[in-house]
Amino acid sequence: MAATPGYADQKQQVLTRLRRIEGQVRGLQRLIDEDTYCIDVLTQVAAVSKALQGVGLHLLDEHLQHCVAGAAAGGDADRTNELVHEATKAVERLLRA
């Protein structure tokens, strides 16, 4: 593992996005508490899902640019292959979500 995560330079931005998503989830709970129309709740669920996917894609991009590219630039073929495989598995998980 890299000593510093790929998102380290943008940690506060990622945390801000996650806090915003947390607020959206609390909003969903309020909608259910208030017996809001199903379609309106589903629309908000889709918005939260899209926001989480955006964070996931951002983290994946940072992983590729920082961790994978760093291993490749360092000439460590085994580590590069390991990190590419790890990234592929992460993409699979994101697609299943």
Protein backbone atom coordinates (compact mmCIF):
# COMPACT_ATOMS: atom_id res chain seq x y z
CA MET A 1 0.00 0.00 0.00
CA ALA A 2 1.12 3.56 -0.66
CA ALA A 3 2.06 5.56 2.43
CA THR A 4 -0.25 8.37 1.36
CA PRO A 5 -3.65 7.73 -0.24
CA GLY A 6 -4.17 9.11 -3.72
CA TYR A 7 -6.92 11.43 -2.51
CA ALA A 8 -4.74 13.02 0.21
CA ASP A 9 -4.46 16.36 -1.62
CA GLN A 10 -8.25 16.55 -1.97
CA LYS A 11 -9.23 14.97 1.35
CA GLN A 12 -11.27 17.97 2.51
CA GLN A 13 -13.18 18.10 -0.80
CA VAL A 14 -14.01 14.39 -0.52
CA LEU A 15 -15.13 14.83 3.09
CA THR A 16 -17.29 17.80 2.10
CA ARG A 17 -18.96 15.73 -0.62
CA LEU A 18 -19.57 12.86 1.82
CA ARG A 19 -21.05 15.23 4.40
CA ARG A 20 -23.38 16.62 1.73
CA ILE A 21 -24.45 13.05 0.89
CA GLU A 22 -24.98 12.37 4.58
CA GLY A 23 -27.33 15.35 4.65
CA GLN A 24 -29.17 13.98 1.62
CA VAL A 25 -29.65 10.65 3.43
CA ARG A 26 -31.03 12.46 6.48
CA GLY A 27 -33.39 14.24 4.07
CA LEU A 28 -34.53 10.86 2.79
CA GLN A 29 -35.32 9.80 6.34
CA ARG A 30 -37.41 12.96 6.77
CA LEU A 31 -39.27 12.23 3.53
CA ILE A 32 -40.22 8.80 4.84
CA ASP A 33 -41.17 10.22 8.25
CA GLU A 34 -43.44 12.70 6.44
CA ASP A 35 -45.03 9.99 4.25
CA THR A 36 -43.80 11.63 1.06
CA TYR A 37 -45.00 10.27 -2.29
CA CYS A 38 -43.00 7.19 -3.32
CA ILE A 39 -41.76 8.58 -6.64
CA ASP A 40 -40.43 11.71 -4.94
CA VAL A 41 -38.50 9.57 -2.46
CA LEU A 42 -37.15 7.38 -5.27
CA THR A 43 -35.97 10.47 -7.11
CA GLN A 44 -33.98 11.48 -4.06
CA VAL A 45 -32.61 7.94 -3.62
CA ALA A 46 -31.34 8.13 -7.21
CA ALA A 47 -29.67 11.49 -6.47
CA VAL A 48 -27.89 10.05 -3.41
CA SER A 49 -26.79 6.99 -5.39
CA LYS A 50 -25.41 9.17 -8.18
CA ALA A 51 -23.57 11.34 -5.65
CA LEU A 52 -21.97 8.27 -4.05
CA GLN A 53 -20.99 6.93 -7.46
CA GLY A 54 -19.34 10.26 -8.17
CA VAL A 55 -17.25 9.99 -5.01
CA GLY A 56 -16.35 6.40 -5.90
CA LEU A 57 -15.27 7.36 -9.40
CA HIS A 58 -13.21 10.24 -8.04
CA LEU A 59 -11.44 7.91 -5.59
CA LEU A 60 -10.82 5.37 -8.35
CA ASP A 61 -9.35 8.07 -10.57
CA GLU A 62 -7.07 9.23 -7.76
CA HIS A 63 -5.99 5.61 -7.15
CA LEU A 64 -5.10 5.16 -10.80
CA GLN A 65 -3.25 8.46 -11.07
CA HIS A 66 -1.41 8.22 -7.75
CA CYS A 67 -0.95 4.59 -6.78
CA VAL A 68 -0.92 2.75 -10.10
CA ALA A 69 0.98 5.42 -12.03
CA GLY A 70 3.45 5.74 -9.16
CA ALA A 71 4.18 2.02 -9.16
CA ALA A 72 4.54 2.03 -12.94
CA ALA A 73 6.89 5.02 -12.88
CA GLY A 74 8.95 3.29 -10.20
CA GLY A 75 9.43 0.32 -12.49
CA ASP A 76 7.79 -2.17 -10.10
CA ALA A 77 5.93 -4.38 -12.60
CA ASP A 78 4.61 -6.79 -9.96
CA ARG A 79 3.21 -3.99 -7.82
CA THR A 80 1.77 -2.26 -10.88
CA ASN A 81 -0.01 -5.45 -11.94
CA GLU A 82 -1.30 -5.95 -8.40
CA LEU A 83 -2.67 -2.40 -8.28
CA VAL A 84 -4.27 -2.67 -11.73
CA HIS A 85 -5.99 -5.90 -10.63
CA GLU A 86 -7.13 -4.16 -7.44
CA ALA A 87 -8.55 -1.28 -9.52
CA THR A 88 -10.36 -3.73 -11.79
CA LYS A 89 -11.99 -5.35 -8.75
CA ALA A 90 -13.00 -1.90 -7.49
CA VAL A 91 -14.64 -1.14 -10.86
CA GLU A 92 -16.53 -4.45 -10.64
CA ARG A 93 -17.82 -3.49 -7.18
CA LEU A 94 -18.87 -0.04 -8.40
CA LEU A 95 -20.74 -1.56 -11.34
CA ARG A 96 -22.60 -3.96 -9.07
CA ALA A 97 -23.64 -1.19 -6.70
